[in-house]
Every structure is written in C-alpha cells, then in structure tokens.
Amino acid sequence: MVRKFLYIVAGLIVLVLAGLLAYRIWGVELMRAAMVPGEDFRAVRGLTPADYRDAKLWLARPDIANNPALWTPGGEQPRRQPGGAAVFFIHPTSYLNRAHWNAPLDDKEANDRAALFLRGQASAFNAVGEIWAPRYHQATFGAFLTDQANADRALDQAYRDVLAAFDAFVAQVGPDRPIILAGHSQGGLHLTHLLRDRVAGKPLARRIVAAYVVGWPVSTVTDLAALGLPACARADQRGCILSWQSFAEPADPSLITDNYDRTTGFDGRPRKGTRMLCTNPITGTPFTAAPASANLGTLYPSEDLSTAQLRPGTVGARCDARGLLLIGSPPDVGPYVLPGNNYHVYDYSLFWANVRADAARRRAAR
C-alpha cells in the first residue's frame, strides 16, 4: 500500500524530532511506543464543502489576515493584485501527538507547525496567484508507524476532508480560473488520490497548470496513467506533474526504496523495480542534471526559523536511474536532515526560487 511509504518517511521525520541517539539505541519500537495512539480509532465528523466556506477552516486563503503563505525572503514579493492562478496546497503532517489518530482542527501546536511549512513551501507559489491551504483532520505521525487498521481509517478520514476542501475551493474560485495543485509528504499522498478522483478524465483537467507532488513517490509505470496528467516533459509545459525526493551524497535511500518496492501502484501492479518520477526542479524537466550555478535560490533559515535568506548558486541537482534527486555534498540548510542524507524536509526550500520561476513559466505557457 502507498501508506507504507509514508510510514517510513514519517518515521524518519519523527526520528529527527525525537532524537537520533534514542533511535539508534531503541529504533522503531521506541517511536511506536512514543507516537502510536493507544486509543481505538474514533471517527470525527467529516467536513463538507459547506463547512469549508468558513475562512476559519483555512490556514491560507486570499481573505485571511496574516496569511503565512504570503511570506517571502528579502528581495521577493508576493502577488499584490487579486487573480492569477488559484493554488491549492496540502501541507505535510504537523500533528505529532499520540492522543488521537487524527488531529483536532484547533490544535495550536499542529497549526503553528503547519503555518511554518506554508512559509517555507507554499510561499514559492505566491507570485503566480492566490494560495488556499486547508486545515484538515490530518493523520498523526503515529498512524504511519503501525499496520493497524486504525491507521488506514485515520488516513481515510484526513483524505475525505481534503476532498471536501478541494470541492469548496473549486466552487469558490470560479469556473474558468487556472489551478495549480501542490503538496508535500502526507500532502503529496493526498494529492495523488485527489488527482485520481477529481482530475483524471474530468473537464477540470484542462484547467490544471501543474501538479507538484513533492516528497512522495510516483511510479512512472504503475501510477502516472491513473493520475490523469502526464509527467512534465518540458519546462514550459502546462497540465502536467512534477515530483522529486531530495538526497545528498553519499545517499542511502534503502529505507525508502525497500518499502516502495513492497507497495502496489494505482493500476494494481507491484511498484517493485519501477522508476520513480524525478523532475529536476532546477530545469523543470525529468531525469536531467543541472549545476549549482543554475539554482536561482535556496532558502537558508535563521536558527529560530522565523526568517530565511535566499542564496543562489549553492545547490545543484541530478536525477539518478531509480528516480531520486541527488544534490551532491550535503548543504547546511538546517538540522532536520534525515538518515541516509535524506533532505526530505527541504524538498521545496532547496529549490525555492526555481519552483517560483517554474510555476510562473507554466502559468504563462499556452
């Protein structure tokens, strides 16, 4: 199942948050004890498109004050005038509590962490249009550390909220406006299902500028056809999918690839041995290489994560044969590098300015 991949990604992130030393001593069992909820799954009232008319259910929306997605580093500015593309962004997991299988919508710590993700990730799109990012009953990290049926129910609960939010988003932005879809990690998982359920084979597909399925594997053999859009083959192509997973070198992606190889694709066939889609965010094309000099700007955050500097020309990238994005020697962009030189947490910020330029270029293409 696709969920098993998020099991590993989430486990790795929790590993960093919980402490590398403890993991090395006690491993996954320690994380399970600390993070997997002890209660049985209890469904909460699922949200509806009507619920999402309320601005309080959005972390980012054009009419929200102090919108975290409008953050920019020095020298950059968000779009000031209304209009442009409508951007639907699904944030990664920000709820770490084991008290519940799904995050309460009013959990301050989870919402503050999600806002931080919007500043470092969704902000890359704020020059090309207006960003909408829903709150949702996201599955807790612990749901990705177990094979319990409770975990599947938690993910289903989260995805139903995302679908409701997306339906409300489409209704509110109008019938003709171009749409950009983006997400990361758990958000990337939900985005793949949203593409399958709301875009593939639907008239809406004609309005999609691009879909950024970042930090989540998309098999070029077993997944792409079900998502309704092709992989982006050109830097100026509209209506296509971009995806990458970042590793510094020497890379050890075995925790990712071993579990990916155990999963089944959207077409029902095993993903084992299939290539993962790798879009080089510097070039905007798949399975290519680019030097650091072509990187328009990487975010280097301050120690307290309150701001960041944009530095060009420091990180290059190339896709390997399996579909991983390799970035060369480890850059010092922050403390949350995962085992195996996995730069998952920094998938967007490593290429922030290139993602920004990519979205604008695809928006302008015909």
Foldseek 3Di string as FASTA:
>chain_A
DQLLLLLLVLQLLVCLVVDVVVCVVVNLVVVLVQFAAPDFADADDFDALVNLVDPLQWLFWPPDPPRLLQADAPPDGFADDAAFAEEEEEEAFQARHNNHQWDDLPPPRSSVVSSLRSNQFSNLARNGHGYTYGRFRAGHSSLSSDPDVRSVVSLVSRLSNVVRNVVSSCVVVDDQHAYEYEYASSRLVSLLVCLLVPPAPDPNLVRYLEYESEHGWAFQPFRQNSSRFDDDAALQAGSHYAYAWEFEPPFDCCSNLVSQQVDAGPNRHGSHPTATWHQFLLGRHTQAWDAQQSQQWAWQADPVSPHTHTDGSDWIWGADPRHHIYTYHQDPRDSSQGPRRTPRVRRCRRRSNSSSVSSNSSSPHD
